[in-house]
Structure formats: C-alpha cells, structure tokens
C-alpha cells in the first residue's frame, strides 16, 4: 500500500502519522511541526507513540544526523509497533529526507521490507 505523494492533512481514527524527529523531541519544522500542531505529537518526545503519531528519530538531540545503526534500531522499534498494532495503519512520511539530509534512496531502501500496515510514500513502493 502507498500514500500518494503530498501532505497528509487528515487522519482516520486508526491511522498513525509517522514523521522524522530529533531525539530531543523539538518538533518545530516540517512534518514534525505538523505532527505536533495537528496530530498530537508531544514536545520533548523524540521517539515512539504520542497522540496519533509515531516519532522516528533521524537527528540526535543536538540536531546532527543519527548513525545508520540508530536508523536500523529505530526501524525495528517501528516495525515492532506495527506488528503489535495490526488494526492501525502507520502512514510513513519521507523521514530523514528533509532537515536530516539523508539521501532519499537510502531512506527508501531502509523501509523496503516493511509490515503490511506501514504505508509508504507512493514513490517509495
């Protein structure tokens, strides 16, 4: 399943907005700001569930890129949440491709073997 490219502006009750975050949980720009203002992400929470969101850290607390190992561990935690919540639909934004500056190809490939209820951006499928 895929999300059409563009901004997610509304969520159904069973949908979770997955956005790129920093480990300090300062959701001040881009999809992180939208997550905080519109979907209930909590300032100060840098990874995991808050509101109708899942924070996926791509930056450290001091706003430098996380390591590839950190990305892989965060991906596994997200995948575990998907598997533990099969009735939820996790809508993945292009995490890491904005402020974090990771190559889109790297981030797309990171999610190539995703659970069925993790919905990827349409051009990542």
PDB file of N, CA and C in Angstrom:
ATOM      1  N   UNK A   1       0.845  -1.175   0.000  1.00  0.00           N
ATOM      2  CA  UNK A   1       0.000   0.000   0.000  1.00  0.00           C
ATOM      3  C   UNK A   1       0.892   1.240   0.000  1.00  0.00           C
ATOM      4  N   UNK A   2       0.407   2.330  -0.574  1.00  0.00           N
ATOM      5  CA  UNK A   2       1.222   3.537  -0.674  1.00  0.00           C
ATOM      6  C   UNK A   2       0.385   4.781  -0.421  1.00  0.00           C
ATOM      7  N   UNK A   3       1.053   5.815   0.062  1.00  0.00           N
ATOM      8  CA  UNK A   3       0.442   7.134   0.219  1.00  0.00           C
ATOM      9  C   UNK A   3       0.788   7.922  -1.033  1.00  0.00           C
ATOM     10  N   UNK A   4      -0.179   8.591  -1.620  1.00  0.00           N
ATOM     11  CA  UNK A   4       0.124   9.460  -2.746  1.00  0.00           C
ATOM     12  C   UNK A   4       1.025  10.582  -2.264  1.00  0.00           C
ATOM     13  N   UNK A   5       1.990  10.943  -3.100  1.00  0.00           N
ATOM     14  CA  UNK A   5       2.916  11.997  -2.734  1.00  0.00           C
ATOM     15  C   UNK A   5       2.139  13.276  -2.458  1.00  0.00           C
ATOM     16  N   UNK A   6       2.471  13.941  -1.381  1.00  0.00           N
ATOM     17  CA  UNK A   6       1.788  15.154  -0.963  1.00  0.00           C
ATOM     18  C   UNK A   6       1.630  15.153   0.536  1.00  0.00           C
ATOM     19  N   UNK A   7       1.103  16.222   1.066  1.00  0.00           N
ATOM     20  CA  UNK A   7       0.990  16.355   2.502  1.00  0.00           C
ATOM     21  C   UNK A   7      -0.245  15.633   3.044  1.00  0.00           C
ATOM     22  N   UNK A   8      -0.054  14.945   4.137  1.00  0.00           N
ATOM     23  CA  UNK A   8      -1.159  14.317   4.851  1.00  0.00           C
ATOM     24  C   UNK A   8      -1.780  15.406   5.715  1.00  0.00           C
ATOM     25  N   UNK A   9      -3.060  15.662   5.532  1.00  0.00           N
ATOM     26  CA  UNK A   9      -3.704  16.738   6.285  1.00  0.00           C
ATOM     27  C   UNK A   9      -4.765  16.245   7.260  1.00  0.00           C
ATOM     28  N   UNK A  10      -5.225  15.020   7.095  1.00  0.00           N
ATOM     29  CA  UNK A  10      -6.233  14.450   7.977  1.00  0.00           C
ATOM     30  C   UNK A  10      -5.924  12.985   8.218  1.00  0.00           C
ATOM     31  N   UNK A  11      -6.342  12.503   9.364  1.00  0.00           N
ATOM     32  CA  UNK A  11      -6.159  11.099   9.700  1.00  0.00           C
ATOM     33  C   UNK A  11      -7.489  10.481  10.087  1.00  0.00           C
ATOM     34  N   UNK A  12      -7.666   9.217   9.727  1.00  0.00           N
ATOM     35  CA  UNK A  12      -8.794   8.429  10.218  1.00  0.00           C
ATOM     36  C   UNK A  12      -8.428   7.982  11.640  1.00  0.00           C
ATOM     37  N   UNK A  13      -9.408   7.560  12.433  1.00  0.00           N
ATOM     38  CA  UNK A  13      -9.116   7.168  13.817  1.00  0.00           C
ATOM     39  C   UNK A  13      -8.064   6.058  13.952  1.00  0.00           C
ATOM     40  N   UNK A  14      -7.939   5.187  12.952  1.00  0.00           N
ATOM     41  CA  UNK A  14      -6.982   4.077  13.041  1.00  0.00           C
ATOM     42  C   UNK A  14      -5.643   4.386  12.379  1.00  0.00           C
ATOM     43  N   UNK A  15      -5.406   5.635  11.997  1.00  0.00           N
ATOM     44  CA  UNK A  15      -4.165   5.981  11.298  1.00  0.00           C
ATOM     45  C   UNK A  15      -3.189   6.706  12.219  1.00  0.00           C
ATOM     46  N   UNK A  16      -1.914   6.403  12.007  1.00  0.00           N
ATOM     47  CA  UNK A  16      -0.812   6.984  12.772  1.00  0.00           C
ATOM     48  C   UNK A  16       0.120   7.705  11.797  1.00  0.00           C
ATOM     49  N   UNK A  17       0.427   8.954  12.082  1.00  0.00           N
ATOM     50  CA  UNK A  17       1.305   9.788  11.264  1.00  0.00           C
ATOM     51  C   UNK A  17       2.742   9.548  11.715  1.00  0.00           C
ATOM     52  N   UNK A  18       3.571   8.955  10.851  1.00  0.00           N
ATOM     53  CA  UNK A  18       4.966   8.646  11.186  1.00  0.00           C
ATOM     54  C   UNK A  18       5.842   9.740  10.577  1.00  0.00           C
ATOM     55  N   UNK A  19       6.538  10.472  11.428  1.00  0.00           N
ATOM     56  CA  UNK A  19       7.319  11.630  10.990  1.00  0.00           C
ATOM     57  C   UNK A  19       8.755  11.545  11.497  1.00  0.00           C
ATOM     58  N   UNK A  20       9.645  12.217  10.797  1.00  0.00           N
ATOM     59  CA  UNK A  20      11.034  12.301  11.214  1.00  0.00           C
ATOM     60  C   UNK A  20      11.176  13.275  12.365  1.00  0.00           C
ATOM     61  N   UNK A  21      11.939  12.867  13.382  1.00  0.00           N
ATOM     62  CA  UNK A  21      12.088  13.703  14.571  1.00  0.00           C
ATOM     63  C   UNK A  21      13.551  13.786  14.982  1.00  0.00           C
ATOM     64  N   UNK A  22      13.782  14.564  16.028  1.00  0.00           N
ATOM     65  CA  UNK A  22      15.097  14.571  16.665  1.00  0.00           C
ATOM     66  C   UNK A  22      14.922  13.992  18.059  1.00  0.00           C
ATOM     67  N   UNK A  23      15.981  13.444  18.610  1.00  0.00           N
ATOM     68  CA  UNK A  23      15.883  12.766  19.899  1.00  0.00           C
ATOM     69  C   UNK A  23      15.535  13.700  21.048  1.00  0.00           C
ATOM     70  N   UNK A  24      15.677  15.000  20.841  1.00  0.00           N
ATOM     71  CA  UNK A  24      15.249  15.967  21.852  1.00  0.00           C
ATOM     72  C   UNK A  24      13.755  16.217  21.823  1.00  0.00           C
ATOM     73  N   UNK A  25      13.093  15.739  20.755  1.00  0.00           N
ATOM     74  CA  UNK A  25      11.655  15.919  20.647  1.00  0.00           C
ATOM     75  C   UNK A  25      11.231  17.361  20.405  1.00  0.00           C
ATOM     76  N   UNK A  26      12.098  18.142  19.790  1.00  0.00           N
ATOM     77  CA  UNK A  26      11.760  19.533  19.467  1.00  0.00           C
ATOM     78  C   UNK A  26      11.122  19.539  18.076  1.00  0.00           C
ATOM     79  N   UNK A  27       9.820  19.421  18.028  1.00  0.00           N
ATOM     80  CA  UNK A  27       9.067  19.290  16.788  1.00  0.00           C
ATOM     81  C   UNK A  27       8.707  20.675  16.257  1.00  0.00           C
ATOM     82  N   UNK A  28       9.697  21.343  15.645  1.00  0.00           N
ATOM     83  CA  UNK A  28       9.500  22.742  15.277  1.00  0.00           C
ATOM     84  C   UNK A  28       9.407  23.048  13.802  1.00  0.00           C
ATOM     85  N   UNK A  29       9.691  22.080  12.927  1.00  0.00           N
ATOM     86  CA  UNK A  29       9.670  22.351  11.486  1.00  0.00           C
ATOM     87  C   UNK A  29       9.144  21.139  10.727  1.00  0.00           C
ATOM     88  N   UNK A  30       8.711  21.389   9.507  1.00  0.00           N
ATOM     89  CA  UNK A  30       8.327  20.330   8.586  1.00  0.00           C
ATOM     90  C   UNK A  30       7.222  19.433   9.113  1.00  0.00           C
ATOM     91  N   UNK A  31       7.352  18.142   8.805  1.00  0.00           N
ATOM     92  CA  UNK A  31       6.349  17.166   9.213  1.00  0.00           C
ATOM     93  C   UNK A  31       6.264  17.059  10.730  1.00  0.00           C
ATOM     94  N   UNK A  32       7.370  17.304  11.422  1.00  0.00           N
ATOM     95  CA  UNK A  32       7.364  17.237  12.885  1.00  0.00           C
ATOM     96  C   UNK A  32       6.469  18.325  13.478  1.00  0.00           C
ATOM     97  N   UNK A  33       6.518  19.508  12.913  1.00  0.00           N
ATOM     98  CA  UNK A  33       5.652  20.596  13.376  1.00  0.00           C
ATOM     99  C   UNK A  33       4.182  20.243  13.121  1.00  0.00           C
ATOM    100  N   UNK A  34       3.898  19.719  11.933  1.00  0.00           N
ATOM    101  CA  UNK A  34       2.533  19.286  11.619  1.00  0.00           C
ATOM    102  C   UNK A  34       2.079  18.222  12.615  1.00  0.00           C
ATOM    103  N   UNK A  35       2.959  17.278  12.916  1.00  0.00           N
ATOM    104  CA  UNK A  35       2.627  16.215  13.864  1.00  0.00           C
ATOM    105  C   UNK A  35       2.265  16.795  15.224  1.00  0.00           C
ATOM    106  N   UNK A  36       2.997  17.801  15.661  1.00  0.00           N
ATOM    107  CA  UNK A  36       2.745  18.410  16.973  1.00  0.00           C
ATOM    108  C   UNK A  36       1.477  19.249  16.973  1.00  0.00           C
ATOM    109  N   UNK A  37       1.321  20.086  15.952  1.00  0.00           N
ATOM    110  CA  UNK A  37       0.200  21.025  15.909  1.00  0.00           C
ATOM    111  C   UNK A  37      -1.126  20.335  15.594  1.00  0.00           C
ATOM    112  N   UNK A  38      -1.092  19.361  14.706  1.00  0.00           N
ATOM    113  CA  UNK A  38      -2.340  18.786  14.210  1.00  0.00           C
ATOM    114  C   UNK A  38      -2.662  17.387  14.744  1.00  0.00           C
ATOM    115  N   UNK A  39      -1.629  16.562  15.006  1.00  0.00           N
ATOM    116  CA  UNK A  39      -1.893  15.156  15.297  1.00  0.00           C
ATOM    117  C   UNK A  39      -1.480  14.703  16.703  1.00  0.00           C
ATOM    118  N   UNK A  40      -1.077  15.621  17.556  1.00  0.00           N
ATOM    119  CA  UNK A  40      -0.859  15.289  18.966  1.00  0.00           C
ATOM    120  C   UNK A  40       0.525  14.840  19.373  1.00  0.00           C
ATOM    121  N   UNK A  41       1.543  15.027  18.525  1.00  0.00           N
ATOM    122  CA  UNK A  41       2.906  14.704  18.954  1.00  0.00           C
ATOM    123  C   UNK A  41       3.254  15.608  20.141  1.00  0.00           C
ATOM    124  N   UNK A  42       3.930  15.054  21.112  1.00  0.00           N
ATOM    125  CA  UNK A  42       4.252  15.781  22.337  1.00  0.00           C
ATOM    126  C   UNK A  42       5.681  16.305  22.259  1.00  0.00           C
ATOM    127  N   UNK A  43       5.813  17.600  22.499  1.00  0.00           N
ATOM    128  CA  UNK A  43       7.127  18.243  22.536  1.00  0.00           C
ATOM    129  C   UNK A  43       7.960  17.563  23.617  1.00  0.00           C
ATOM    130  N   UNK A  44       9.186  17.201  23.285  1.00  0.00           N
ATOM    131  CA  UNK A  44      10.073  16.535  24.230  1.00  0.00           C
ATOM    132  C   UNK A  44      10.142  15.023  24.063  1.00  0.00           C
ATOM    133  N   UNK A  45       9.255  14.448  23.243  1.00  0.00           N
ATOM    134  CA  UNK A  45       9.271  13.002  22.987  1.00  0.00           C
ATOM    135  C   UNK A  45       9.856  12.782  21.601  1.00  0.00           C
ATOM    136  N   UNK A  46      11.049  12.232  21.539  1.00  0.00           N
ATOM    137  CA  UNK A  46      11.770  12.100  20.281  1.00  0.00           C
ATOM    138  C   UNK A  46      11.578  10.799  19.536  1.00  0.00           C
ATOM    139  N   UNK A  47      10.978   9.799  20.186  1.00  0.00           N
ATOM    140  CA  UNK A  47      10.734   8.527  19.503  1.00  0.00           C
ATOM    141  C   UNK A  47       9.508   7.845  20.082  1.00  0.00           C
ATOM    142  N   UNK A  48       8.717   7.253  19.187  1.00  0.00           N
ATOM    143  CA  UNK A  48       7.588   6.444  19.609  1.00  0.00           C
ATOM    144  C   UNK A  48       6.243   7.134  19.501  1.00  0.00           C
ATOM    145  N   UNK A  49       5.247   6.502  20.137  1.00  0.00           N
ATOM    146  CA  UNK A  49       3.856   6.958  20.089  1.00  0.00           C
ATOM    147  C   UNK A  49       3.629   8.196  20.951  1.00  0.00           C
ATOM    148  N   UNK A  50       2.960   9.180  20.435  1.00  0.00           N
ATOM    149  CA  UNK A  50       2.287  10.234  21.198  1.00  0.00           C
ATOM    150  C   UNK A  50       1.145  10.709  20.319  1.00  0.00           C
ATOM    151  N   UNK A  51      -0.004  10.971  20.928  1.00  0.00           N
ATOM    152  CA  UNK A  51      -1.165  11.377  20.142  1.00  0.00           C
ATOM    153  C   UNK A  51      -1.441  10.335  19.068  1.00  0.00           C
ATOM    154  N   UNK A  52      -1.661  10.833  17.859  1.00  0.00           N
ATOM    155  CA  UNK A  52      -1.906   9.937  16.718  1.00  0.00           C
ATOM    156  C   UNK A  52      -0.662   9.920  15.825  1.00  0.00           C
ATOM    157  N   UNK A  53       0.506   9.869  16.471  1.00  0.00           N
ATOM    158  CA  UNK A  53       1.768   9.938  15.743  1.00  0.00           C
ATOM    159  C   UNK A  53       2.768   8.904  16.249  1.00  0.00           C
ATOM    160  N   UNK A  54       3.792   8.719  15.413  1.00  0.00           N
ATOM    161  CA  UNK A  54       4.979   7.951  15.798  1.00  0.00           C
ATOM    162  C   UNK A  54       6.179   8.799  15.384  1.00  0.00           C
ATOM    163  N   UNK A  55       6.994   9.180  16.355  1.00  0.00           N
ATOM    164  CA  UNK A  55       8.211   9.949  16.089  1.00  0.00           C
ATOM    165  C   UNK A  55       9.333   8.984  15.726  1.00  0.00           C
ATOM    166  N   UNK A  56       9.938   9.205  14.561  1.00  0.00           N
ATOM    167  CA  UNK A  56      11.035   8.360  14.077  1.00  0.00           C
ATOM    168  C   UNK A  56      12.298   9.220  14.043  1.00  0.00           C
ATOM    169  N   UNK A  57      13.238   9.015  14.984  1.00  0.00           N
ATOM    170  CA  UNK A  57      14.397   9.907  15.067  1.00  0.00           C
ATOM    171  C   UNK A  57      15.404   9.724  13.932  1.00  0.00           C
ATOM    172  N   UNK A  58      15.666  10.833  13.278  1.00  0.00           N
ATOM    173  CA  UNK A  58      16.690  10.871  12.233  1.00  0.00           C
ATOM    174  C   UNK A  58      17.810  11.849  12.604  1.00  0.00           C
ATOM    175  N   UNK A  59      17.583  12.613  13.668  1.00  0.00           N
ATOM    176  CA  UNK A  59      18.583  13.548  14.190  1.00  0.00           C
ATOM    177  C   UNK A  59      18.783  13.289  15.677  1.00  0.00           C
ATOM    178  N   UNK A  60      19.981  13.580  16.156  1.00  0.00           N
ATOM    179  CA  UNK A  60      20.271  13.472  17.583  1.00  0.00           C
ATOM    180  C   UNK A  60      19.629  14.656  18.307  1.00  0.00           C
ATOM    181  N   UNK A  61      19.765  14.700  19.602  1.00  0.00           N
ATOM    182  CA  UNK A  61      19.233  15.832  20.380  1.00  0.00           C
ATOM    183  C   UNK A  61      19.926  17.144  20.006  1.00  0.00           C
ATOM    184  N   UNK A  62      21.195  17.065  19.575  1.00  0.00           N
ATOM    185  CA  UNK A  62      21.888  18.292  19.164  1.00  0.00           C
ATOM    186  C   UNK A  62      21.766  18.554  17.655  1.00  0.00           C
ATOM    187  N   UNK A  63      20.827  17.856  17.017  1.00  0.00           N
ATOM    188  CA  UNK A  63      20.440  18.060  15.612  1.00  0.00           C
ATOM    189  C   UNK A  63      21.486  17.644  14.583  1.00  0.00           C
ATOM    190  N   UNK A  64      22.342  16.686  14.949  1.00  0.00           N
ATOM    191  CA  UNK A  64      23.210  16.080  13.943  1.00  0.00           C
ATOM    192  C   UNK A  64      22.580  14.751  13.519  1.00  0.00           C
ATOM    193  N   UNK A  65      22.986  14.253  12.366  1.00  0.00           N
ATOM    194  CA  UNK A  65      22.408  13.003  11.857  1.00  0.00           C
ATOM    195  C   UNK A  65      22.685  11.843  12.803  1.00  0.00           C
ATOM    196  N   UNK A  66      21.695  10.985  12.956  1.00  0.00           N
ATOM    197  CA  UNK A  66      21.924   9.753  13.704  1.00  0.00           C
ATOM    198  C   UNK A  66      22.721   8.796  12.816  1.00  0.00           C
ATOM    199  N   UNK A  67      23.294   7.781  13.415  1.00  0.00           N
ATOM    200  CA  UNK A  67      24.058   6.791  12.663  1.00  0.00           C
ATOM    201  C   UNK A  67      23.119   5.835  11.919  1.00  0.00           C
ATOM    202  N   UNK A  68      23.671   5.133  10.961  1.00  0.00           N
ATOM    203  CA  UNK A  68      22.897   4.113  10.252  1.00  0.00           C
ATOM    204  C   UNK A  68      22.416   3.048  11.235  1.00  0.00           C
ATOM    205  N   UNK A  69      23.254   2.685  12.199  1.00  0.00           N
ATOM    206  CA  UNK A  69      22.858   1.707  13.206  1.00  0.00           C
ATOM    207  C   UNK A  69      21.647   2.209  13.999  1.00  0.00           C
ATOM    208  N   UNK A  70      21.633   3.490  14.333  1.00  0.00           N
ATOM    209  CA  UNK A  70      20.486   4.071  15.049  1.00  0.00           C
ATOM    210  C   UNK A  70      19.229   4.027  14.197  1.00  0.00           C
ATOM    211  N   UNK A  71      19.370   4.327  12.901  1.00  0.00           N
ATOM    212  CA  UNK A  71      18.218   4.248  12.000  1.00  0.00           C
ATOM    213  C   UNK A  71      17.660   2.830  11.957  1.00  0.00           C
ATOM    214  N   UNK A  72      18.549   1.850  11.863  1.00  0.00           N
ATOM    215  CA  UNK A  72      18.114   0.449  11.811  1.00  0.00           C
ATOM    216  C   UNK A  72      17.393   0.039  13.093  1.00  0.00           C
ATOM    217  N   UNK A  73      17.908   0.462  14.244  1.00  0.00           N
ATOM    218  CA  UNK A  73      17.263   0.131  15.523  1.00  0.00           C
ATOM    219  C   UNK A  73      15.905   0.820  15.638  1.00  0.00           C
ATOM    220  N   UNK A  74      15.820   2.073  15.193  1.00  0.00           N
ATOM    221  CA  UNK A  74      14.540   2.787  15.223  1.00  0.00           C
ATOM    222  C   UNK A  74      13.538   2.140  14.283  1.00  0.00           C
ATOM    223  N   UNK A  75      14.018   1.686  13.132  1.00  0.00           N
ATOM    224  CA  UNK A  75      13.141   0.990  12.190  1.00  0.00           C
ATOM    225  C   UNK A  75      12.584  -0.280  12.833  1.00  0.00           C
ATOM    226  N   UNK A  76      13.421  -1.021  13.531  1.00  0.00           N
ATOM    227  CA  UNK A  76      12.958  -2.252  14.167  1.00  0.00           C
ATOM    228  C   UNK A  76      11.921  -1.965  15.241  1.00  0.00           C
ATOM    229  N   UNK A  77      12.093  -0.868  15.994  1.00  0.00           N
ATOM    230  CA  UNK A  77      11.088  -0.493  17.002  1.00  0.00           C
ATOM    231  C   UNK A  77       9.772  -0.105  16.320  1.00  0.00           C
ATOM    232  N   UNK A  78       9.842   0.608  15.199  1.00  0.00           N
ATOM    233  CA  UNK A  78       8.631   0.959  14.450  1.00  0.00           C
ATOM    234  C   UNK A  78       7.961  -0.301  13.917  1.00  0.00           C
ATOM    235  N   UNK A  79       8.732  -1.200  13.334  1.00  0.00           N
ATOM    236  CA  UNK A  79       8.170  -2.453  12.813  1.00  0.00           C
ATOM    237  C   UNK A  79       7.495  -3.250  13.924  1.00  0.00           C
ATOM    238  N   UNK A  80       8.111  -3.271  15.111  1.00  0.00           N
ATOM    239  CA  UNK A  80       7.512  -3.987  16.245  1.00  0.00           C
ATOM    240  C   UNK A  80       6.169  -3.350  16.615  1.00  0.00           C
ATOM    241  N   UNK A  81       6.105  -2.022  16.611  1.00  0.00           N
ATOM    242  CA  UNK A  81       4.843  -1.331  16.918  1.00  0.00           C
ATOM    243  C   UNK A  81       3.785  -1.661  15.875  1.00  0.00           C
ATOM    244  N   UNK A  82       4.191  -1.731  14.609  1.00  0.00           N
ATOM    245  CA  UNK A  82       3.251  -2.102  13.545  1.00  0.00           C
ATOM    246  C   UNK A  82       2.699  -3.505  13.787  1.00  0.00           C
ATOM    247  N   UNK A  83       3.578  -4.429  14.120  1.00  0.00           N
ATOM    248  CA  UNK A  83       3.158  -5.817  14.339  1.00  0.00           C
ATOM    249  C   UNK A  83       2.298  -5.967  15.592  1.00  0.00           C
ATOM    250  N   UNK A  84       2.585  -5.167  16.621  1.00  0.00           N
ATOM    251  CA  UNK A  84       1.810  -5.221  17.867  1.00  0.00           C
ATOM    252  C   UNK A  84       0.448  -4.549  17.727  1.00  0.00           C
ATOM    253  N   UNK A  85       0.272  -3.747  16.684  1.00  0.00           N
ATOM    254  CA  UNK A  85      -0.965  -2.989  16.480  1.00  0.00           C
ATOM    255  C   UNK A  85      -1.484  -3.197  15.058  1.00  0.00           C
ATOM    256  N   UNK A  86      -1.899  -4.434  14.732  1.00  0.00           N
ATOM    257  CA  UNK A  86      -2.275  -4.749  13.350  1.00  0.00           C
ATOM    258  C   UNK A  86      -3.514  -4.012  12.842  1.00  0.00           C
ATOM    259  N   UNK A  87      -4.313  -3.461  13.735  1.00  0.00           N
ATOM    260  CA  UNK A  87      -5.502  -2.718  13.283  1.00  0.00           C
ATOM    261  C   UNK A  87      -5.191  -1.256  12.979  1.00  0.00           C
ATOM    262  N   UNK A  88      -3.978  -0.825  13.301  1.00  0.00           N
ATOM    263  CA  UNK A  88      -3.572   0.550  12.989  1.00  0.00           C
ATOM    264  C   UNK A  88      -2.860   0.595  11.646  1.00  0.00           C
ATOM    265  N   UNK A  89      -2.990   1.716  10.976  1.00  0.00           N
ATOM    266  CA  UNK A  89      -2.325   1.957   9.697  1.00  0.00           C
ATOM    267  C   UNK A  89      -1.314   3.091   9.925  1.00  0.00           C
ATOM    268  N   UNK A  90      -0.038   2.767   9.784  1.00  0.00           N
ATOM    269  CA  UNK A  90       1.044   3.717  10.017  1.00  0.00           C
ATOM    270  C   UNK A  90       1.401   4.382   8.691  1.00  0.00           C
ATOM    271  N   UNK A  91       1.188   5.700   8.596  1.00  0.00           N
ATOM    272  CA  UNK A  91       1.445   6.445   7.362  1.00  0.00           C
ATOM    273  C   UNK A  91       2.827   7.074   7.443  1.00  0.00           C
ATOM    274  N   UNK A  92       3.778   6.500   6.732  1.00  0.00           N
ATOM    275  CA  UNK A  92       5.165   6.947   6.774  1.00  0.00           C
ATOM    276  C   UNK A  92       5.386   8.143   5.863  1.00  0.00           C
ATOM    277  N   UNK A  93       5.907   9.217   6.417  1.00  0.00           N
ATOM    278  CA  UNK A  93       6.343  10.350   5.602  1.00  0.00           C
ATOM    279  C   UNK A  93       7.762  10.050   5.130  1.00  0.00           C
ATOM    280  N   UNK A  94       8.332  10.921   4.340  1.00  0.00           N
ATOM    281  CA  UNK A  94       9.703  10.716   3.857  1.00  0.00           C
ATOM    282  C   UNK A  94      10.699  11.099   4.951  1.00  0.00           C
ATOM    283  N   UNK A  95      10.693  10.281   6.000  1.00  0.00           N
ATOM    284  CA  UNK A  95      11.545  10.552   7.155  1.00  0.00           C
ATOM    285  C   UNK A  95      13.008  10.625   6.741  1.00  0.00           C
ATOM    286  N   UNK A  96      13.711  11.581   7.325  1.00  0.00           N
ATOM    287  CA  UNK A  96      15.147  11.719   7.097  1.00  0.00           C
ATOM    288  C   UNK A  96      15.539  12.452   5.841  1.00  0.00           C
ATOM    289  N   UNK A  97      14.596  12.754   4.979  1.00  0.00           N
ATOM    290  CA  UNK A  97      14.920  13.346   3.673  1.00  0.00           C
ATOM    291  C   UNK A  97      14.843  14.871   3.657  1.00  0.00           C
ATOM    292  N   UNK A  98      14.359  15.469   4.728  1.00  0.00           N
ATOM    293  CA  UNK A  98      14.253  16.928   4.792  1.00  0.00           C
ATOM    294  C   UNK A  98      15.415  17.510   5.565  1.00  0.00           C
ATOM    295  N   UNK A  99      15.141  17.958   6.775  1.00  0.00           N
ATOM    296  CA  UNK A  99      16.164  18.606   7.602  1.00  0.00           C
ATOM    297  C   UNK A  99      17.356  17.699   7.900  1.00  0.00           C
ATOM    298  N   UNK A 100      17.119  16.411   8.060  1.00  0.00           N
ATOM    299  CA  UNK A 100      18.222  15.490   8.374  1.00  0.00           C
ATOM    300  C   UNK A 100      19.174  15.325   7.196  1.00  0.00           C
ATOM    301  N   UNK A 101      18.653  15.446   5.982  1.00  0.00           N
ATOM    302  CA  UNK A 101      19.511  15.412   4.801  1.00  0.00           C
ATOM    303  C   UNK A 101      20.023  14.050   4.374  1.00  0.00           C
ATOM    304  N   UNK A 102      19.371  12.974   4.799  1.00  0.00           N
ATOM    305  CA  UNK A 102      19.769  11.661   4.308  1.00  0.00           C
ATOM    306  C   UNK A 102      19.325  11.522   2.853  1.00  0.00           C
ATOM    307  N   UNK A 103      20.082  10.797   2.033  1.00  0.00           N
ATOM    308  CA  UNK A 103      19.643  10.562   0.651  1.00  0.00           C
ATOM    309  C   UNK A 103      18.323   9.795   0.636  1.00  0.00           C
ATOM    310  N   UNK A 104      17.401  10.226  -0.197  1.00  0.00           N
ATOM    311  CA  UNK A 104      16.094   9.581  -0.264  1.00  0.00           C
ATOM    312  C   UNK A 104      16.219   8.102  -0.601  1.00  0.00           C
ATOM    313  N   UNK A 105      17.160   7.760  -1.460  1.00  0.00           N
ATOM    314  CA  UNK A 105      17.374   6.363  -1.836  1.00  0.00           C
ATOM    315  C   UNK A 105      17.711   5.501  -0.612  1.00  0.00           C
ATOM    316  N   UNK A 106      18.553   6.023   0.263  1.00  0.00           N
ATOM    317  CA  UNK A 106      18.924   5.303   1.487  1.00  0.00           C
ATOM    318  C   UNK A 106      17.699   5.074   2.368  1.00  0.00           C
ATOM    319  N   UNK A 107      16.911   6.121   2.557  1.00  0.00           N
ATOM    320  CA  UNK A 107      15.743   6.006   3.431  1.00  0.00           C
ATOM    321  C   UNK A 107      14.682   5.096   2.810  1.00  0.00           C
ATOM    322  N   UNK A 108      14.476   5.194   1.525  1.00  0.00           N
ATOM    323  CA  UNK A 108      13.517   4.304   0.843  1.00  0.00           C
ATOM    324  C   UNK A 108      13.947   2.851   1.025  1.00  0.00           C
ATOM    325  N   UNK A 109      15.222   2.575   0.804  1.00  0.00           N
ATOM    326  CA  UNK A 109      15.723   1.208   0.933  1.00  0.00           C
ATOM    327  C   UNK A 109      15.630   0.692   2.371  1.00  0.00           C
ATOM    328  N   UNK A 110      15.754   1.581   3.334  1.00  0.00           N
ATOM    329  CA  UNK A 110      15.647   1.205   4.741  1.00  0.00           C
ATOM    330  C   UNK A 110      14.290   0.566   5.041  1.00  0.00           C
ATOM    331  N   UNK A 111      13.253   1.009   4.322  1.00  0.00           N
ATOM    332  CA  UNK A 111      11.893   0.525   4.573  1.00  0.00           C
ATOM    333  C   UNK A 111      11.401  -0.455   3.504  1.00  0.00           C
ATOM    334  N   UNK A 112      12.320  -1.067   2.774  1.00  0.00           N
ATOM    335  CA  UNK A 112      11.919  -1.925   1.657  1.00  0.00           C
ATOM    336  C   UNK A 112      11.184  -3.195   2.099  1.00  0.00           C
ATOM    337  N   UNK A 113      11.440  -3.689   3.260  1.00  0.00           N
ATOM    338  CA  UNK A 113      10.795  -4.915   3.762  1.00  0.00           C
ATOM    339  C   UNK A 113       9.911  -4.563   4.956  1.00  0.00           C
ATOM    340  N   UNK A 114       8.860  -3.800   4.709  1.00  0.00           N
ATOM    341  CA  UNK A 114       8.049  -3.277   5.806  1.00  0.00           C
ATOM    342  C   UNK A 114       6.796  -4.112   6.054  1.00  0.00           C
ATOM    343  N   UNK A 115       6.257  -4.021   7.274  1.00  0.00           N
ATOM    344  CA  UNK A 115       4.993  -4.711   7.576  1.00  0.00           C
ATOM    345  C   UNK A 115       3.864  -4.170   6.690  1.00  0.00           C
ATOM    346  N   UNK A 116       2.838  -4.981   6.488  1.00  0.00           N
ATOM    347  CA  UNK A 116       1.732  -4.621   5.592  1.00  0.00           C
ATOM    348  C   UNK A 116       0.991  -3.368   6.042  1.00  0.00           C
ATOM    349  N   UNK A 117       0.960  -3.081   7.345  1.00  0.00           N
ATOM    350  CA  UNK A 117       0.231  -1.910   7.826  1.00  0.00           C
ATOM    351  C   UNK A 117       1.092  -0.654   7.954  1.00  0.00           C
ATOM    352  N   UNK A 118       2.303  -0.693   7.389  1.00  0.00           N
ATOM    353  CA  UNK A 118       3.136   0.511   7.270  1.00  0.00           C
ATOM    354  C   UNK A 118       2.985   0.996   5.831  1.00  0.00           C
ATOM    355  N   UNK A 119       2.324   2.117   5.661  1.00  0.00           N
ATOM    356  CA  UNK A 119       2.020   2.649   4.335  1.00  0.00           C
ATOM    357  C   UNK A 119       3.132   3.603   3.931  1.00  0.00           C
ATOM    358  N   UNK A 120       3.796   3.265   2.829  1.00  0.00           N
ATOM    359  CA  UNK A 120       4.948   4.039   2.343  1.00  0.00           C
ATOM    360  C   UNK A 120       4.516   5.155   1.402  1.00  0.00           C
ATOM    361  N   UNK A 121       5.355   6.190   1.258  1.00  0.00           N
ATOM    362  CA  UNK A 121       5.091   7.186   0.224  1.00  0.00           C
ATOM    363  C   UNK A 121       5.023   6.477  -1.135  1.00  0.00           C
ATOM    364  N   UNK A 122       4.151   6.935  -2.021  1.00  0.00           N
ATOM    365  CA  UNK A 122       3.897   6.210  -3.273  1.00  0.00           C
ATOM    366  C   UNK A 122       5.158   6.008  -4.106  1.00  0.00           C
ATOM    367  N   UNK A 123       6.069   6.957  -4.109  1.00  0.00           N
ATOM    368  CA  UNK A 123       7.270   6.775  -4.924  1.00  0.00           C
ATOM    369  C   UNK A 123       8.370   5.990  -4.185  1.00  0.00           C
ATOM    370  N   UNK A 124       8.052   5.436  -3.030  1.00  0.00           N
ATOM    371  CA  UNK A 124       8.969   4.541  -2.334  1.00  0.00           C
ATOM    372  C   UNK A 124       8.550   3.085  -2.506  1.00  0.00           C
ATOM    373  N   UNK A 125       7.423   2.836  -3.169  1.00  0.00           N
ATOM    374  CA  UNK A 125       6.917   1.466  -3.322  1.00  0.00           C
ATOM    375  C   UNK A 125       7.556   0.824  -4.531  1.00  0.00           C
TER     376      UNK A 125
END
